[in-house]
């Protein structure tokens, strides 16, 4: 690629994009790269979606809705959904595990146990359907 082509690309990119720099631990970067490679996403795409979601604008951009045209697309969407559901399930389990013994029979404790169980059932069902 020639010098002119690189200069033109850099000029266009600087006019249309902003760079965001973050320093993270090497193991965090490696895990992120591996997760992106496993799902077929680009790191920039995942970070862009995260930033828009965090800013409360993800629902406004139809380009952020995962494609479900092909089985590969649906499996990718299921993997993303599994990640979210697994995080919720882990949070419920942490709540149950960290609750003081005096709460063991309380309704909120029992509801957290039930939510954790239902979320695990959902993960199992998605895994059975899509083999993620």
C-alpha atoms as a PDB file:
ATOM      1  CA  UNK A   1       0.000   0.000   0.000  1.00  0.00           C
ATOM      2  CA  UNK A   2       1.416   3.326  -0.994  1.00  0.00           C
ATOM      3  CA  UNK A   3       2.176   6.368   1.089  1.00  0.00           C
ATOM      4  CA  UNK A   4      -0.670   8.369  -0.472  1.00  0.00           C
ATOM      5  CA  UNK A   5      -3.229   5.675   0.283  1.00  0.00           C
ATOM      6  CA  UNK A   6      -2.203   5.483   3.960  1.00  0.00           C
ATOM      7  CA  UNK A   7      -2.244   9.265   4.295  1.00  0.00           C
ATOM      8  CA  UNK A   8      -5.708   9.448   2.750  1.00  0.00           C
ATOM      9  CA  UNK A   9      -7.022   6.724   5.071  1.00  0.00           C
ATOM     10  CA  UNK A  10      -5.535   8.416   8.124  1.00  0.00           C
ATOM     11  CA  UNK A  11      -7.065  11.748   7.098  1.00  0.00           C
ATOM     12  CA  UNK A  12     -10.491  10.153   6.563  1.00  0.00           C
ATOM     13  CA  UNK A  13     -10.300   8.190   9.846  1.00  0.00           C
ATOM     14  CA  UNK A  14      -9.301  11.271  11.837  1.00  0.00           C
ATOM     15  CA  UNK A  15     -12.242  13.199  10.357  1.00  0.00           C
ATOM     16  CA  UNK A  16     -14.810  10.437  10.991  1.00  0.00           C
ATOM     17  CA  UNK A  17     -13.611   8.599  14.115  1.00  0.00           C
ATOM     18  CA  UNK A  18     -12.307   9.313  17.601  1.00  0.00           C
ATOM     19  CA  UNK A  19      -9.825   7.089  19.358  1.00  0.00           C
ATOM     20  CA  UNK A  20     -10.470   6.017  22.915  1.00  0.00           C
ATOM     21  CA  UNK A  21      -7.493   4.664  24.801  1.00  0.00           C
ATOM     22  CA  UNK A  22      -7.750   2.439  27.857  1.00  0.00           C
ATOM     23  CA  UNK A  23      -5.009   0.789  29.854  1.00  0.00           C
ATOM     24  CA  UNK A  24      -5.975  -2.621  31.183  1.00  0.00           C
ATOM     25  CA  UNK A  25      -4.116  -5.557  32.628  1.00  0.00           C
ATOM     26  CA  UNK A  26      -2.634  -7.903  30.008  1.00  0.00           C
ATOM     27  CA  UNK A  27      -4.850 -10.797  31.104  1.00  0.00           C
ATOM     28  CA  UNK A  28      -7.933  -8.603  30.690  1.00  0.00           C
ATOM     29  CA  UNK A  29      -6.881  -7.616  27.169  1.00  0.00           C
ATOM     30  CA  UNK A  30      -6.098 -11.234  26.285  1.00  0.00           C
ATOM     31  CA  UNK A  31      -9.472 -12.446  27.581  1.00  0.00           C
ATOM     32  CA  UNK A  32     -11.264  -9.703  25.632  1.00  0.00           C
ATOM     33  CA  UNK A  33      -9.384 -10.538  22.421  1.00  0.00           C
ATOM     34  CA  UNK A  34     -10.159 -14.238  22.858  1.00  0.00           C
ATOM     35  CA  UNK A  35     -13.845 -13.584  23.508  1.00  0.00           C
ATOM     36  CA  UNK A  36     -14.085 -11.380  20.415  1.00  0.00           C
ATOM     37  CA  UNK A  37     -12.329 -14.010  18.310  1.00  0.00           C
ATOM     38  CA  UNK A  38     -14.639 -16.728  19.651  1.00  0.00           C
ATOM     39  CA  UNK A  39     -17.777 -14.774  18.760  1.00  0.00           C
ATOM     40  CA  UNK A  40     -16.430 -13.357  15.503  1.00  0.00           C
ATOM     41  CA  UNK A  41     -16.854  -9.774  16.688  1.00  0.00           C
ATOM     42  CA  UNK A  42     -14.316  -7.016  16.278  1.00  0.00           C
ATOM     43  CA  UNK A  43     -12.957  -5.414  19.419  1.00  0.00           C
ATOM     44  CA  UNK A  44     -13.938  -1.978  18.104  1.00  0.00           C
ATOM     45  CA  UNK A  45     -17.483  -3.173  17.412  1.00  0.00           C
ATOM     46  CA  UNK A  46     -17.938  -4.631  20.884  1.00  0.00           C
ATOM     47  CA  UNK A  47     -16.519  -1.519  22.546  1.00  0.00           C
ATOM     48  CA  UNK A  48     -18.709   0.748  20.403  1.00  0.00           C
ATOM     49  CA  UNK A  49     -21.840  -1.203  21.383  1.00  0.00           C
ATOM     50  CA  UNK A  50     -20.796  -1.121  25.028  1.00  0.00           C
ATOM     51  CA  UNK A  51     -20.217   2.633  24.943  1.00  0.00           C
ATOM     52  CA  UNK A  52     -23.587   3.297  23.311  1.00  0.00           C
ATOM     53  CA  UNK A  53     -25.345   0.960  25.734  1.00  0.00           C
ATOM     54  CA  UNK A  54     -23.631   2.608  28.679  1.00  0.00           C
ATOM     55  CA  UNK A  55     -24.635   6.009  27.356  1.00  0.00           C
ATOM     56  CA  UNK A  56     -28.227   4.789  27.099  1.00  0.00           C
ATOM     57  CA  UNK A  57     -28.383   5.037  23.324  1.00  0.00           C
ATOM     58  CA  UNK A  58     -28.048   1.425  22.206  1.00  0.00           C
ATOM     59  CA  UNK A  59     -31.774   1.111  21.527  1.00  0.00           C
ATOM     60  CA  UNK A  60     -31.632   4.055  19.104  1.00  0.00           C
ATOM     61  CA  UNK A  61     -29.179   2.455  16.668  1.00  0.00           C
ATOM     62  CA  UNK A  62     -30.789  -0.330  14.606  1.00  0.00           C
ATOM     63  CA  UNK A  63     -27.313  -1.419  13.526  1.00  0.00           C
ATOM     64  CA  UNK A  64     -26.727  -2.730  17.038  1.00  0.00           C
ATOM     65  CA  UNK A  65     -29.509  -5.283  16.788  1.00  0.00           C
ATOM     66  CA  UNK A  66     -27.845  -8.622  16.097  1.00  0.00           C
ATOM     67  CA  UNK A  67     -28.595 -10.189  12.754  1.00  0.00           C
ATOM     68  CA  UNK A  68     -30.539 -13.424  12.995  1.00  0.00           C
ATOM     69  CA  UNK A  69     -30.646 -14.325   9.319  1.00  0.00           C
ATOM     70  CA  UNK A  70     -28.319 -17.313   9.478  1.00  0.00           C
ATOM     71  CA  UNK A  71     -27.812 -20.040  12.060  1.00  0.00           C
ATOM     72  CA  UNK A  72     -24.298 -18.693  12.627  1.00  0.00           C
ATOM     73  CA  UNK A  73     -25.780 -15.265  13.427  1.00  0.00           C
ATOM     74  CA  UNK A  74     -28.364 -16.799  15.760  1.00  0.00           C
ATOM     75  CA  UNK A  75     -25.673 -18.815  17.537  1.00  0.00           C
ATOM     76  CA  UNK A  76     -23.621 -15.647  17.968  1.00  0.00           C
ATOM     77  CA  UNK A  77     -26.653 -13.817  19.384  1.00  0.00           C
ATOM     78  CA  UNK A  78     -27.354 -16.781  21.676  1.00  0.00           C
ATOM     79  CA  UNK A  79     -23.760 -16.652  22.936  1.00  0.00           C
ATOM     80  CA  UNK A  80     -24.177 -12.965  23.784  1.00  0.00           C
ATOM     81  CA  UNK A  81     -27.483 -13.679  25.510  1.00  0.00           C
ATOM     82  CA  UNK A  82     -25.879 -16.537  27.447  1.00  0.00           C
ATOM     83  CA  UNK A  83     -23.178 -14.190  28.675  1.00  0.00           C
ATOM     84  CA  UNK A  84     -25.775 -11.764  30.002  1.00  0.00           C
ATOM     85  CA  UNK A  85     -27.920 -14.501  31.559  1.00  0.00           C
ATOM     86  CA  UNK A  86     -24.837 -16.165  33.095  1.00  0.00           C
ATOM     87  CA  UNK A  87     -23.850 -12.856  34.690  1.00  0.00           C
ATOM     88  CA  UNK A  88     -27.333 -12.483  36.168  1.00  0.00           C
ATOM     89  CA  UNK A  89     -27.307 -16.071  37.407  1.00  0.00           C
ATOM     90  CA  UNK A  90     -23.885 -15.597  39.006  1.00  0.00           C
ATOM     91  CA  UNK A  91     -25.109 -12.415  40.717  1.00  0.00           C
ATOM     92  CA  UNK A  92     -28.087 -14.270  42.195  1.00  0.00           C
ATOM     93  CA  UNK A  93     -25.816 -17.078  43.387  1.00  0.00           C
ATOM     94  CA  UNK A  94     -23.466 -14.540  44.983  1.00  0.00           C
ATOM     95  CA  UNK A  95     -26.421 -12.961  46.757  1.00  0.00           C
ATOM     96  CA  UNK A  96     -27.534 -16.349  48.075  1.00  0.00           C
ATOM     97  CA  UNK A  97     -23.992 -17.314  49.040  1.00  0.00           C
ATOM     98  CA  UNK A  98     -23.333 -14.042  50.862  1.00  0.00           C
ATOM     99  CA  UNK A  99     -26.663 -13.786  52.651  1.00  0.00           C
ATOM    100  CA  UNK A 100     -26.423 -14.056  56.438  1.00  0.00           C
ATOM    101  CA  UNK A 101     -27.815 -17.266  57.954  1.00  0.00           C
ATOM    102  CA  UNK A 102     -30.673 -15.294  59.494  1.00  0.00           C
ATOM    103  CA  UNK A 103     -32.050 -14.647  55.976  1.00  0.00           C
ATOM    104  CA  UNK A 104     -32.022 -18.289  54.857  1.00  0.00           C
ATOM    105  CA  UNK A 105     -35.818 -18.601  55.122  1.00  0.00           C
ATOM    106  CA  UNK A 106     -36.674 -15.059  54.112  1.00  0.00           C
ATOM    107  CA  UNK A 107     -38.738 -14.486  50.944  1.00  0.00           C
ATOM    108  CA  UNK A 108     -36.012 -12.447  49.207  1.00  0.00           C
ATOM    109  CA  UNK A 109     -33.507 -15.268  49.809  1.00  0.00           C
ATOM    110  CA  UNK A 110     -35.878 -17.898  48.450  1.00  0.00           C
ATOM    111  CA  UNK A 111     -36.707 -15.685  45.460  1.00  0.00           C
ATOM    112  CA  UNK A 112     -32.993 -15.267  44.697  1.00  0.00           C
ATOM    113  CA  UNK A 113     -32.554 -19.048  44.828  1.00  0.00           C
ATOM    114  CA  UNK A 114     -35.517 -19.456  42.467  1.00  0.00           C
ATOM    115  CA  UNK A 115     -34.171 -16.810  40.064  1.00  0.00           C
ATOM    116  CA  UNK A 116     -30.763 -18.491  40.027  1.00  0.00           C
ATOM    117  CA  UNK A 117     -32.405 -21.825  39.250  1.00  0.00           C
ATOM    118  CA  UNK A 118     -34.600 -20.363  36.492  1.00  0.00           C
ATOM    119  CA  UNK A 119     -31.643 -18.559  34.921  1.00  0.00           C
ATOM    120  CA  UNK A 120     -29.653 -21.807  34.936  1.00  0.00           C
ATOM    121  CA  UNK A 121     -32.607 -23.528  33.240  1.00  0.00           C
ATOM    122  CA  UNK A 122     -32.598 -20.776  30.595  1.00  0.00           C
ATOM    123  CA  UNK A 123     -28.865 -21.249  30.002  1.00  0.00           C
ATOM    124  CA  UNK A 124     -29.366 -25.002  29.654  1.00  0.00           C
ATOM    125  CA  UNK A 125     -32.236 -24.478  27.198  1.00  0.00           C
ATOM    126  CA  UNK A 126     -30.238 -22.071  25.036  1.00  0.00           C
ATOM    127  CA  UNK A 127     -27.283 -24.458  25.074  1.00  0.00           C
ATOM    128  CA  UNK A 128     -29.551 -27.310  24.017  1.00  0.00           C
ATOM    129  CA  UNK A 129     -31.098 -25.221  21.224  1.00  0.00           C
ATOM    130  CA  UNK A 130     -27.909 -23.700  19.823  1.00  0.00           C
ATOM    131  CA  UNK A 131     -25.078 -25.789  21.195  1.00  0.00           C
ATOM    132  CA  UNK A 132     -23.151 -22.770  22.518  1.00  0.00           C
END
